[in-house]
Amino acid sequence: MDYSRKISERLWNMPDKGELESRREETFIDDIIQKSHIEKELLSHLDEIKTVFDGGAGCGRFSILLAKKGCAVTHFDISQPMIDKAKELAAKEGVLDKITFVNGALEDLKGFKDKSFDMVISFDAPVSYTYPNQKRVIGELVRICRKRIMLSVSSRLGYLPYLANPIQKNQFILDETCEDPFVKWCIGNKENAVEAFHFSKDAAMKLYKDGLMGGESEIAEYENGGTPWCITYTFMPDELEDILKYYGAKNIKLAGPGAYARTLPRELLVKIMNDSKQRSDFLDFCHYYDSNPFVCGMGKDNLFAQGEL
């Protein structure tokens, strides 16, 4: 088994993952913006869509949404804690009977036949955690798709600014008084992160050229019994488009959710988010701006792509 899969299984099966992941849109503004962008795309492309495969479906943010719209959804995820949380949330929304839950890894989709689903989706970068199999995994997602595919993967151009900004997540904290442990860590670690920061041109150039975040240190941590972050492959926009075309997708469109918002300071983002009218208007404009192909690579974390079969 590849280390990418082993590390992902250990990380995402931590007992608290289901609860923590289910609260991300209550915690971080960048998550709100990204999920809003994806929701707008999904809801505007449901014509003739009856069956959906949600790969790396997490706590059910989109599988539940699509089930409420009448789709029969296969919720596929590597994490049992997140599947359990998704079941709980689906039951609350009254759509438990419309969702089939499957525990599995994206590296192994051989149990699904060609063109099994009208739509295939995979959001929040699970494809990027399958390195070195990311291209083959995209091919498998296309293989089981009949009509429309939507993916979000880690964006190389979007991630590169992180190497010059160790406190980038602080910009998007919605409520600094919340009890989320990651929010507390971001706030508590801010001063140390700034003090210890040193820009490395070599590290930036390496990521720019090979697209890989992580590797030997994560493998060593895993072997020592730790729970490292997943080894992550980051995509360039033209690379992702070429892979989708290679496997037969057509009419491909790219977007960079978060490109507009990352230009604003936290104080203004929080003010916007706490006013319902400004928030709605802002999310609408973010979707419009971030859909421009000239900024797609600068989405905050993810590069979004959709295509037709």
C-alpha atoms as a PDB file:
ATOM      1  CA  MET A   1       0.000   0.000   0.000  1.00  0.00           C
ATOM      2  CA  ASP A   2       1.311   3.476  -0.840  1.00  0.00           C
ATOM      3  CA  TYR A   3       2.265   5.756   2.028  1.00  0.00           C
ATOM      4  CA  SER A   4      -0.220   8.354   0.799  1.00  0.00           C
ATOM      5  CA  ARG A   5      -3.074   5.995   1.513  1.00  0.00           C
ATOM      6  CA  LYS A   6      -1.705   4.759   4.825  1.00  0.00           C
ATOM      7  CA  ILE A   7      -1.075   8.291   6.084  1.00  0.00           C
ATOM      8  CA  SER A   8      -4.521   9.443   4.920  1.00  0.00           C
ATOM      9  CA  GLU A   9      -6.228   6.551   6.671  1.00  0.00           C
ATOM     10  CA  ARG A  10      -4.487   7.298   9.962  1.00  0.00           C
ATOM     11  CA  LEU A  11      -5.075  11.067   9.773  1.00  0.00           C
ATOM     12  CA  TRP A  12      -8.707  11.082   8.717  1.00  0.00           C
ATOM     13  CA  ASN A  13      -9.677   8.254  11.070  1.00  0.00           C
ATOM     14  CA  MET A  14      -8.680  10.180  14.174  1.00  0.00           C
ATOM     15  CA  PRO A  15     -11.733  10.057  16.485  1.00  0.00           C
ATOM     16  CA  ASP A  16     -12.333  13.823  16.489  1.00  0.00           C
ATOM     17  CA  LYS A  17     -12.147  14.302  12.711  1.00  0.00           C
ATOM     18  CA  GLY A  18     -15.863  13.927  12.083  1.00  0.00           C
ATOM     19  CA  GLU A  19     -16.856  16.581  14.590  1.00  0.00           C
ATOM     20  CA  LEU A  20     -14.074  19.024  13.689  1.00  0.00           C
ATOM     21  CA  GLU A  21     -14.594  18.805   9.932  1.00  0.00           C
ATOM     22  CA  SER A  22     -18.349  19.257  10.260  1.00  0.00           C
ATOM     23  CA  ARG A  23     -17.800  22.677  11.887  1.00  0.00           C
ATOM     24  CA  ARG A  24     -15.361  24.200   9.393  1.00  0.00           C
ATOM     25  CA  GLU A  25     -17.935  26.514   7.840  1.00  0.00           C
ATOM     26  CA  GLU A  26     -18.693  27.892  11.285  1.00  0.00           C
ATOM     27  CA  THR A  27     -15.020  28.501  11.957  1.00  0.00           C
ATOM     28  CA  PHE A  28     -13.103  29.734   8.911  1.00  0.00           C
ATOM     29  CA  ILE A  29     -14.190  32.285   6.304  1.00  0.00           C
ATOM     30  CA  ASP A  30     -12.163  30.685   3.523  1.00  0.00           C
ATOM     31  CA  ASP A  31     -14.125  27.462   4.029  1.00  0.00           C
ATOM     32  CA  ILE A  32     -17.398  29.384   3.840  1.00  0.00           C
ATOM     33  CA  ILE A  33     -16.317  30.956   0.530  1.00  0.00           C
ATOM     34  CA  GLN A  34     -15.096  27.712  -0.984  1.00  0.00           C
ATOM     35  CA  LYS A  35     -18.191  25.738  -0.008  1.00  0.00           C
ATOM     36  CA  SER A  36     -20.458  28.532  -1.249  1.00  0.00           C
ATOM     37  CA  HIS A  37     -18.697  28.513  -4.633  1.00  0.00           C
ATOM     38  CA  ILE A  38     -19.069  24.758  -4.995  1.00  0.00           C
ATOM     39  CA  GLU A  39     -22.705  24.821  -3.897  1.00  0.00           C
ATOM     40  CA  LYS A  40     -23.538  27.442  -6.510  1.00  0.00           C
ATOM     41  CA  GLU A  41     -21.917  25.315  -9.206  1.00  0.00           C
ATOM     42  CA  LEU A  42     -23.665  22.138  -8.104  1.00  0.00           C
ATOM     43  CA  LEU A  43     -27.118  23.668  -7.889  1.00  0.00           C
ATOM     44  CA  SER A  44     -26.813  25.223 -11.332  1.00  0.00           C
ATOM     45  CA  HIS A  45     -25.774  21.939 -12.974  1.00  0.00           C
ATOM     46  CA  LEU A  46     -28.323  19.416 -11.728  1.00  0.00           C
ATOM     47  CA  ASP A  47     -30.277  19.078 -14.960  1.00  0.00           C
ATOM     48  CA  GLU A  48     -30.775  15.363 -15.725  1.00  0.00           C
ATOM     49  CA  ILE A  49     -28.656  14.369 -12.707  1.00  0.00           C
ATOM     50  CA  LYS A  50     -30.211  11.548 -10.695  1.00  0.00           C
ATOM     51  CA  THR A  51     -27.228   9.581  -9.349  1.00  0.00           C
ATOM     52  CA  VAL A  52     -24.078  11.056  -7.782  1.00  0.00           C
ATOM     53  CA  PHE A  53     -20.771   9.648  -6.530  1.00  0.00           C
ATOM     54  CA  ASP A  54     -19.181  11.874  -3.876  1.00  0.00           C
ATOM     55  CA  GLY A  55     -15.548  10.803  -3.499  1.00  0.00           C
ATOM     56  CA  GLY A  56     -13.957  11.936  -0.260  1.00  0.00           C
ATOM     57  CA  ALA A  57     -17.367  13.068   0.911  1.00  0.00           C
ATOM     58  CA  GLY A  58     -16.313  13.805   4.481  1.00  0.00           C
ATOM     59  CA  CYS A  59     -19.164  14.804   6.776  1.00  0.00           C
ATOM     60  CA  GLY A  60     -21.669  15.030   3.958  1.00  0.00           C
ATOM     61  CA  ARG A  61     -21.704  18.756   3.197  1.00  0.00           C
ATOM     62  CA  PHE A  62     -22.544  18.088  -0.461  1.00  0.00           C
ATOM     63  CA  SER A  63     -23.907  14.550  -0.398  1.00  0.00           C
ATOM     64  CA  ILE A  64     -26.645  15.731   1.973  1.00  0.00           C
ATOM     65  CA  LEU A  65     -27.330  18.824  -0.147  1.00  0.00           C
ATOM     66  CA  LEU A  66     -27.716  16.698  -3.283  1.00  0.00           C
ATOM     67  CA  ALA A  67     -29.846  14.111  -1.503  1.00  0.00           C
ATOM     68  CA  LYS A  68     -32.195  16.921  -0.426  1.00  0.00           C
ATOM     69  CA  LYS A  69     -32.441  17.842  -4.115  1.00  0.00           C
ATOM     70  CA  GLY A  70     -33.645  14.333  -4.905  1.00  0.00           C
ATOM     71  CA  CYS A  71     -30.393  12.700  -6.044  1.00  0.00           C
ATOM     72  CA  ALA A  72     -29.386   9.187  -5.037  1.00  0.00           C
ATOM     73  CA  VAL A  73     -25.904   9.695  -3.614  1.00  0.00           C
ATOM     74  CA  THR A  74     -23.051   7.300  -2.939  1.00  0.00           C
ATOM     75  CA  HIS A  75     -21.076   8.859  -0.089  1.00  0.00           C
ATOM     76  CA  PHE A  76     -17.530   7.471  -0.335  1.00  0.00           C
ATOM     77  CA  ASP A  77     -14.840   8.286   2.225  1.00  0.00           C
ATOM     78  CA  ILE A  78     -11.696   6.852   3.808  1.00  0.00           C
ATOM     79  CA  SER A  79     -12.741   7.997   7.298  1.00  0.00           C
ATOM     80  CA  GLN A  80     -15.251   6.077   9.383  1.00  0.00           C
ATOM     81  CA  PRO A  81     -15.570   8.916  11.948  1.00  0.00           C
ATOM     82  CA  MET A  82     -16.570  11.297   9.165  1.00  0.00           C
ATOM     83  CA  ILE A  83     -18.980   8.765   7.683  1.00  0.00           C
ATOM     84  CA  ASP A  84     -20.549   8.353  11.116  1.00  0.00           C
ATOM     85  CA  LYS A  85     -20.938  12.130  11.432  1.00  0.00           C
ATOM     86  CA  ALA A  86     -22.399  12.300   7.917  1.00  0.00           C
ATOM     87  CA  LYS A  87     -24.968   9.650   8.826  1.00  0.00           C
ATOM     88  CA  GLU A  88     -25.943  11.646  11.911  1.00  0.00           C
ATOM     89  CA  LEU A  89     -26.372  14.837   9.890  1.00  0.00           C
ATOM     90  CA  ALA A  90     -28.224  13.046   7.073  1.00  0.00           C
ATOM     91  CA  ALA A  91     -30.669  11.610   9.586  1.00  0.00           C
ATOM     92  CA  LYS A  92     -31.330  15.096  10.988  1.00  0.00           C
ATOM     93  CA  GLU A  93     -32.033  16.340   7.457  1.00  0.00           C
ATOM     94  CA  GLY A  94     -34.318  13.415   6.692  1.00  0.00           C
ATOM     95  CA  VAL A  95     -32.291  12.039   3.763  1.00  0.00           C
ATOM     96  CA  LEU A  96     -30.559   9.027   5.292  1.00  0.00           C
ATOM     97  CA  ASP A  97     -32.474   6.712   2.959  1.00  0.00           C
ATOM     98  CA  LYS A  98     -31.211   8.577  -0.119  1.00  0.00           C
ATOM     99  CA  ILE A  99     -27.507   8.106   0.653  1.00  0.00           C
ATOM    100  CA  THR A 100     -25.408   4.945   0.409  1.00  0.00           C
ATOM    101  CA  PHE A 101     -22.348   5.152   2.643  1.00  0.00           C
ATOM    102  CA  VAL A 102     -19.147   3.390   1.583  1.00  0.00           C
ATOM    103  CA  ASN A 103     -15.846   3.312   3.448  1.00  0.00           C
ATOM    104  CA  GLY A 104     -13.002   3.189   0.949  1.00  0.00           C
ATOM    105  CA  ALA A 105      -9.994   4.868  -0.632  1.00  0.00           C
ATOM    106  CA  LEU A 106     -10.037   6.763  -3.918  1.00  0.00           C
ATOM    107  CA  GLU A 107      -7.055   4.693  -5.055  1.00  0.00           C
ATOM    108  CA  ASP A 108      -9.393   1.706  -5.316  1.00  0.00           C
ATOM    109  CA  LEU A 109     -12.596   2.291  -7.288  1.00  0.00           C
ATOM    110  CA  LYS A 110     -12.579  -0.996  -9.185  1.00  0.00           C
ATOM    111  CA  GLY A 111     -15.826  -1.999  -7.473  1.00  0.00           C
ATOM    112  CA  PHE A 112     -17.720   0.583  -9.552  1.00  0.00           C
ATOM    113  CA  LYS A 113     -18.592  -0.057 -13.187  1.00  0.00           C
ATOM    114  CA  ASP A 114     -17.928   2.334 -16.065  1.00  0.00           C
ATOM    115  CA  LYS A 115     -20.413   5.220 -16.255  1.00  0.00           C
ATOM    116  CA  SER A 116     -22.119   4.197 -13.010  1.00  0.00           C
ATOM    117  CA  PHE A 117     -23.129   7.731 -11.989  1.00  0.00           C
ATOM    118  CA  ASP A 118     -24.651  10.728 -13.739  1.00  0.00           C
ATOM    119  CA  MET A 119     -22.352  13.027 -11.783  1.00  0.00           C
ATOM    120  CA  VAL A 120     -19.057  12.414 -10.001  1.00  0.00           C
ATOM    121  CA  ILE A 121     -17.756  14.948  -7.483  1.00  0.00           C
ATOM    122  CA  SER A 122     -14.693  15.081  -5.251  1.00  0.00           C
ATOM    123  CA  PHE A 123     -14.119  18.238  -3.239  1.00  0.00           C
ATOM    124  CA  ASP A 124     -11.608  19.647  -0.767  1.00  0.00           C
ATOM    125  CA  ALA A 125      -8.618  17.973  -2.407  1.00  0.00           C
ATOM    126  CA  PRO A 126      -8.814  14.242  -1.571  1.00  0.00           C
ATOM    127  CA  VAL A 127      -7.375  13.560  -5.041  1.00  0.00           C
ATOM    128  CA  SER A 128      -4.255  15.510  -4.040  1.00  0.00           C
ATOM    129  CA  TYR A 129      -3.723  13.149  -1.099  1.00  0.00           C
ATOM    130  CA  THR A 130      -3.380  10.116  -3.386  1.00  0.00           C
ATOM    131  CA  TYR A 131       0.134  10.974  -4.629  1.00  0.00           C
ATOM    132  CA  PRO A 132       1.778   9.393  -6.617  1.00  0.00           C
ATOM    133  CA  ASN A 133      -1.493   8.044  -8.022  1.00  0.00           C
ATOM    134  CA  GLN A 134      -3.326  11.347  -8.534  1.00  0.00           C
ATOM    135  CA  LYS A 135      -3.513  11.149 -12.332  1.00  0.00           C
ATOM    136  CA  ARG A 136      -4.800   7.569 -12.300  1.00  0.00           C
ATOM    137  CA  VAL A 137      -7.363   8.468  -9.619  1.00  0.00           C
ATOM    138  CA  ILE A 138      -8.718  11.291 -11.789  1.00  0.00           C
ATOM    139  CA  GLY A 139      -8.950   8.793 -14.634  1.00  0.00           C
ATOM    140  CA  GLU A 140     -10.960   6.434 -12.442  1.00  0.00           C
ATOM    141  CA  LEU A 141     -13.321   9.213 -11.383  1.00  0.00           C
ATOM    142  CA  VAL A 142     -13.894  10.053 -15.045  1.00  0.00           C
ATOM    143  CA  ARG A 143     -14.372   6.357 -15.862  1.00  0.00           C
ATOM    144  CA  ILE A 144     -17.295   5.925 -13.465  1.00  0.00           C
ATOM    145  CA  CYS A 145     -18.925   9.186 -14.617  1.00  0.00           C
ATOM    146  CA  ARG A 146     -21.687   9.328 -17.217  1.00  0.00           C
ATOM    147  CA  LYS A 147     -22.428  13.047 -17.660  1.00  0.00           C
ATOM    148  CA  ARG A 148     -20.648  15.584 -15.460  1.00  0.00           C
ATOM    149  CA  ILE A 149     -17.575  15.661 -13.229  1.00  0.00           C
ATOM    150  CA  MET A 150     -16.584  18.286 -10.663  1.00  0.00           C
ATOM    151  CA  LEU A 151     -13.328  18.239  -8.701  1.00  0.00           C
ATOM    152  CA  SER A 152     -11.363  20.471  -6.395  1.00  0.00           C
ATOM    153  CA  VAL A 153      -7.694  19.701  -5.888  1.00  0.00           C
ATOM    154  CA  SER A 154      -4.844  21.442  -4.095  1.00  0.00           C
ATOM    155  CA  SER A 155      -3.684  24.444  -6.109  1.00  0.00           C
ATOM    156  CA  ARG A 156       0.068  24.893  -6.579  1.00  0.00           C
ATOM    157  CA  LEU A 157      -0.133  28.605  -7.301  1.00  0.00           C
ATOM    158  CA  GLY A 158      -2.587  28.960  -4.429  1.00  0.00           C
ATOM    159  CA  TYR A 159      -0.317  27.154  -1.983  1.00  0.00           C
ATOM    160  CA  LEU A 160       2.921  28.923  -2.878  1.00  0.00           C
ATOM    161  CA  PRO A 161       2.034  32.127  -0.941  1.00  0.00           C
ATOM    162  CA  TYR A 162       1.790  29.975   2.207  1.00  0.00           C
ATOM    163  CA  LEU A 163       5.560  29.541   2.082  1.00  0.00           C
ATOM    164  CA  ALA A 164       5.848  33.292   2.719  1.00  0.00           C
ATOM    165  CA  ASN A 165       2.978  33.442   5.222  1.00  0.00           C
ATOM    166  CA  PRO A 166       2.992  30.983   8.151  1.00  0.00           C
ATOM    167  CA  ILE A 167      -0.045  32.736   9.684  1.00  0.00           C
ATOM    168  CA  GLN A 168      -2.214  32.722   6.561  1.00  0.00           C
ATOM    169  CA  LYS A 169      -5.066  30.853   8.272  1.00  0.00           C
ATOM    170  CA  ASN A 170      -5.422  33.588  10.919  1.00  0.00           C
ATOM    171  CA  GLN A 171      -6.769  35.938   8.234  1.00  0.00           C
ATOM    172  CA  PHE A 172      -9.865  33.756   7.907  1.00  0.00           C
ATOM    173  CA  ILE A 173     -10.796  33.066  11.535  1.00  0.00           C
ATOM    174  CA  LEU A 174     -14.439  34.062  11.840  1.00  0.00           C
ATOM    175  CA  ASP A 175     -14.645  34.152  15.664  1.00  0.00           C
ATOM    176  CA  GLU A 176     -11.445  34.288  17.694  1.00  0.00           C
ATOM    177  CA  THR A 177     -13.364  33.410  20.882  1.00  0.00           C
ATOM    178  CA  CYS A 178     -14.664  30.074  19.625  1.00  0.00           C
ATOM    179  CA  GLU A 179     -13.577  26.819  21.257  1.00  0.00           C
ATOM    180  CA  ASP A 180     -12.235  25.158  18.106  1.00  0.00           C
ATOM    181  CA  PRO A 181      -8.790  23.721  18.984  1.00  0.00           C
ATOM    182  CA  PHE A 182      -7.257  24.677  15.624  1.00  0.00           C
ATOM    183  CA  VAL A 183      -8.436  28.274  16.008  1.00  0.00           C
ATOM    184  CA  LYS A 184      -6.859  28.364  19.460  1.00  0.00           C
ATOM    185  CA  TRP A 185      -3.626  26.940  18.048  1.00  0.00           C
ATOM    186  CA  CYS A 186      -3.528  29.504  15.228  1.00  0.00           C
ATOM    187  CA  ILE A 187      -3.958  32.370  17.676  1.00  0.00           C
ATOM    188  CA  GLY A 188      -1.608  30.991  20.313  1.00  0.00           C
ATOM    189  CA  ASN A 189       1.108  30.104  17.814  1.00  0.00           C
ATOM    190  CA  LYS A 190       0.975  33.359  15.816  1.00  0.00           C
ATOM    191  CA  GLU A 191       3.806  35.189  17.548  1.00  0.00           C
ATOM    192  CA  ASN A 192       6.113  32.173  17.483  1.00  0.00           C
ATOM    193  CA  ALA A 193       5.319  31.486  13.825  1.00  0.00           C
ATOM    194  CA  VAL A 194       6.264  35.044  12.852  1.00  0.00           C
ATOM    195  CA  GLU A 195       9.383  35.023  14.998  1.00  0.00           C
ATOM    196  CA  ALA A 196      10.613  31.710  13.585  1.00  0.00           C
ATOM    197  CA  PHE A 197       9.762  32.510   9.968  1.00  0.00           C
ATOM    198  CA  HIS A 198      12.482  32.618   7.367  1.00  0.00           C
ATOM    199  CA  PHE A 199      11.678  32.796   3.672  1.00  0.00           C
ATOM    200  CA  SER A 200      13.328  30.067   1.647  1.00  0.00           C
ATOM    201  CA  LYS A 201      13.616  30.648  -2.063  1.00  0.00           C
ATOM    202  CA  ASP A 202      14.786  27.049  -2.473  1.00  0.00           C
ATOM    203  CA  ALA A 203      11.626  25.680  -0.822  1.00  0.00           C
ATOM    204  CA  ALA A 204       9.407  27.927  -2.923  1.00  0.00           C
ATOM    205  CA  MET A 205      11.166  26.948  -6.148  1.00  0.00           C
ATOM    206  CA  LYS A 206      10.957  23.266  -5.237  1.00  0.00           C
ATOM    207  CA  LEU A 207       7.208  23.448  -4.701  1.00  0.00           C
ATOM    208  CA  TYR A 208       6.794  25.496  -7.871  1.00  0.00           C
ATOM    209  CA  LYS A 209       8.672  22.891  -9.913  1.00  0.00           C
ATOM    210  CA  ASP A 210       7.578  19.541  -8.483  1.00  0.00           C
ATOM    211  CA  GLY A 211       4.264  20.448  -6.844  1.00  0.00           C
ATOM    212  CA  LEU A 212       4.865  18.196  -3.865  1.00  0.00           C
ATOM    213  CA  MET A 213       4.237  19.156  -0.254  1.00  0.00           C
ATOM    214  CA  GLY A 214       5.618  16.588   2.136  1.00  0.00           C
ATOM    215  CA  GLY A 215       7.429  13.322   1.641  1.00  0.00           C
ATOM    216  CA  GLU A 216      10.245  11.766   3.656  1.00  0.00           C
ATOM    217  CA  SER A 217       9.547  13.603   6.919  1.00  0.00           C
ATOM    218  CA  GLU A 218       5.867  12.587   6.864  1.00  0.00           C
ATOM    219  CA  ILE A 219       6.777   8.976   6.133  1.00  0.00           C
ATOM    220  CA  ALA A 220       9.263   8.978   9.021  1.00  0.00           C
ATOM    221  CA  GLU A 221       6.674  10.497  11.365  1.00  0.00           C
ATOM    222  CA  TYR A 222       4.135   7.880  10.289  1.00  0.00           C
ATOM    223  CA  GLU A 223       6.604   5.043  10.872  1.00  0.00           C
ATOM    224  CA  ASN A 224       7.284   6.414  14.356  1.00  0.00           C
ATOM    225  CA  GLY A 225       3.592   6.143  15.179  1.00  0.00           C
ATOM    226  CA  GLY A 226       2.680   9.764  14.516  1.00  0.00           C
ATOM    227  CA  THR A 227      -0.203  11.261  12.559  1.00  0.00           C
ATOM    228  CA  PRO A 228       1.308  13.588   9.966  1.00  0.00           C
ATOM    229  CA  TRP A 229      -0.601  15.686   7.468  1.00  0.00           C
ATOM    230  CA  CYS A 230      -1.104  13.898   4.169  1.00  0.00           C
ATOM    231  CA  ILE A 231       1.596  14.038   1.507  1.00  0.00           C
ATOM    232  CA  THR A 232      -0.027  16.472  -0.925  1.00  0.00           C
ATOM    233  CA  TYR A 233       0.330  16.918  -4.657  1.00  0.00           C
ATOM    234  CA  THR A 234      -0.565  20.415  -5.863  1.00  0.00           C
ATOM    235  CA  PHE A 235      -1.794  20.976  -9.413  1.00  0.00           C
ATOM    236  CA  MET A 236      -1.159  23.711 -11.952  1.00  0.00           C
ATOM    237  CA  PRO A 237      -4.344  24.794 -13.789  1.00  0.00           C
ATOM    238  CA  ASP A 238      -3.213  23.698 -17.258  1.00  0.00           C
ATOM    239  CA  GLU A 239      -2.020  20.383 -15.827  1.00  0.00           C
ATOM    240  CA  LEU A 240      -5.409  19.565 -14.323  1.00  0.00           C
ATOM    241  CA  GLU A 241      -7.187  20.585 -17.511  1.00  0.00           C
ATOM    242  CA  ASP A 242      -4.868  18.406 -19.613  1.00  0.00           C
ATOM    243  CA  ILE A 243      -5.435  15.363 -17.380  1.00  0.00           C
ATOM    244  CA  LEU A 244      -9.209  15.725 -17.609  1.00  0.00           C
ATOM    245  CA  LYS A 245      -8.980  16.104 -21.382  1.00  0.00           C
ATOM    246  CA  TYR A 246      -6.708  13.054 -21.606  1.00  0.00           C
ATOM    247  CA  TYR A 247      -9.388  10.914 -19.967  1.00  0.00           C
ATOM    248  CA  GLY A 248     -12.153  12.261 -22.191  1.00  0.00           C
ATOM    249  CA  ALA A 249     -13.719  15.199 -20.332  1.00  0.00           C
ATOM    250  CA  LYS A 250     -14.940  18.086 -22.488  1.00  0.00           C
ATOM    251  CA  ASN A 251     -16.035  21.712 -21.982  1.00  0.00           C
ATOM    252  CA  ILE A 252     -13.727  22.028 -18.994  1.00  0.00           C
ATOM    253  CA  LYS A 253     -14.006  25.129 -16.815  1.00  0.00           C
ATOM    254  CA  LEU A 254     -11.622  26.104 -14.021  1.00  0.00           C
ATOM    255  CA  ALA A 255     -12.065  28.382 -11.019  1.00  0.00           C
ATOM    256  CA  GLY A 256     -10.118  29.474  -7.952  1.00  0.00           C
ATOM    257  CA  PRO A 257     -12.450  29.804  -4.953  1.00  0.00           C
ATOM    258  CA  GLY A 258     -10.952  32.294  -2.515  1.00  0.00           C
ATOM    259  CA  ALA A 259      -8.868  34.308  -4.975  1.00  0.00           C
ATOM    260  CA  TYR A 260     -10.771  37.529  -4.292  1.00  0.00           C
ATOM    261  CA  ALA A 261     -11.089  37.079  -0.531  1.00  0.00           C
ATOM    262  CA  ARG A 262      -7.397  36.459   0.045  1.00  0.00           C
ATOM    263  CA  THR A 263      -6.759  40.123  -0.893  1.00  0.00           C
ATOM    264  CA  LEU A 264      -8.756  41.422   2.107  1.00  0.00           C
ATOM    265  CA  PRO A 265      -7.684  41.798   5.761  1.00  0.00           C
ATOM    266  CA  ARG A 266      -9.441  39.783   8.444  1.00  0.00           C
ATOM    267  CA  GLU A 267     -11.142  42.836   9.984  1.00  0.00           C
ATOM    268  CA  LEU A 268     -13.074  43.538   6.776  1.00  0.00           C
ATOM    269  CA  LEU A 269     -13.822  39.879   6.079  1.00  0.00           C
ATOM    270  CA  VAL A 270     -15.343  39.460   9.550  1.00  0.00           C
ATOM    271  CA  LYS A 271     -17.391  42.647   9.146  1.00  0.00           C
ATOM    272  CA  ILE A 272     -18.755  41.397   5.829  1.00  0.00           C
ATOM    273  CA  MET A 273     -19.540  37.920   7.184  1.00  0.00           C
ATOM    274  CA  ASN A 274     -21.413  39.300  10.177  1.00  0.00           C
ATOM    275  CA  ASP A 275     -23.846  41.310   8.037  1.00  0.00           C
ATOM    276  CA  SER A 276     -26.305  39.051   6.206  1.00  0.00           C
ATOM    277  CA  LYS A 277     -26.816  41.349   3.188  1.00  0.00           C
ATOM    278  CA  GLN A 278     -23.111  42.075   2.741  1.00  0.00           C
ATOM    279  CA  ARG A 279     -22.317  38.388   3.201  1.00  0.00           C
ATOM    280  CA  SER A 280     -24.744  37.272   0.514  1.00  0.00           C
ATOM    281  CA  ASP A 281     -23.577  39.917  -1.934  1.00  0.00           C
ATOM    282  CA  PHE A 282     -19.933  39.193  -1.169  1.00  0.00           C
ATOM    283  CA  LEU A 283     -20.295  35.447  -1.732  1.00  0.00           C
ATOM    284  CA  ASP A 284     -22.078  36.103  -5.023  1.00  0.00           C
ATOM    285  CA  PHE A 285     -19.305  38.405  -6.203  1.00  0.00           C
ATOM    286  CA  CYS A 286     -16.578  36.027  -5.017  1.00  0.00           C
ATOM    287  CA  HIS A 287     -18.157  33.321  -7.148  1.00  0.00           C
ATOM    288  CA  TYR A 288     -18.222  35.633 -10.155  1.00  0.00           C
ATOM    289  CA  TYR A 289     -14.648  36.890  -9.672  1.00  0.00           C
ATOM    290  CA  ASP A 290     -13.132  33.524  -8.739  1.00  0.00           C
ATOM    291  CA  SER A 291     -14.645  31.925 -11.852  1.00  0.00           C
ATOM    292  CA  ASN A 292     -12.514  34.139 -14.086  1.00  0.00           C
ATOM    293  CA  PRO A 293      -9.908  31.837 -15.689  1.00  0.00           C
ATOM    294  CA  PHE A 294      -7.190  34.444 -15.200  1.00  0.00           C
ATOM    295  CA  VAL A 295      -7.324  34.029 -11.389  1.00  0.00           C
ATOM    296  CA  CYS A 296      -8.177  30.336 -11.149  1.00  0.00           C
ATOM    297  CA  GLY A 297      -4.692  29.374  -9.980  1.00  0.00           C
ATOM    298  CA  MET A 298      -4.819  31.769  -7.041  1.00  0.00           C
ATOM    299  CA  GLY A 299      -7.742  30.211  -5.240  1.00  0.00           C
ATOM    300  CA  LYS A 300      -6.998  30.060  -1.522  1.00  0.00           C
ATOM    301  CA  ASP A 301      -6.389  26.319  -1.243  1.00  0.00           C
ATOM    302  CA  ASN A 302      -8.188  24.620  -4.056  1.00  0.00           C
ATOM    303  CA  LEU A 303      -8.349  24.612  -7.810  1.00  0.00           C
ATOM    304  CA  PHE A 304     -11.880  23.814  -8.985  1.00  0.00           C
ATOM    305  CA  ALA A 305     -12.610  22.076 -12.266  1.00  0.00           C
ATOM    306  CA  GLN A 306     -15.719  20.778 -13.989  1.00  0.00           C
ATOM    307  CA  GLY A 307     -16.241  19.013 -17.272  1.00  0.00           C
ATOM    308  CA  GLU A 308     -18.720  16.989 -19.262  1.00  0.00           C
ATOM    309  CA  LEU A 309     -18.528  13.460 -20.610  1.00  0.00           C
END
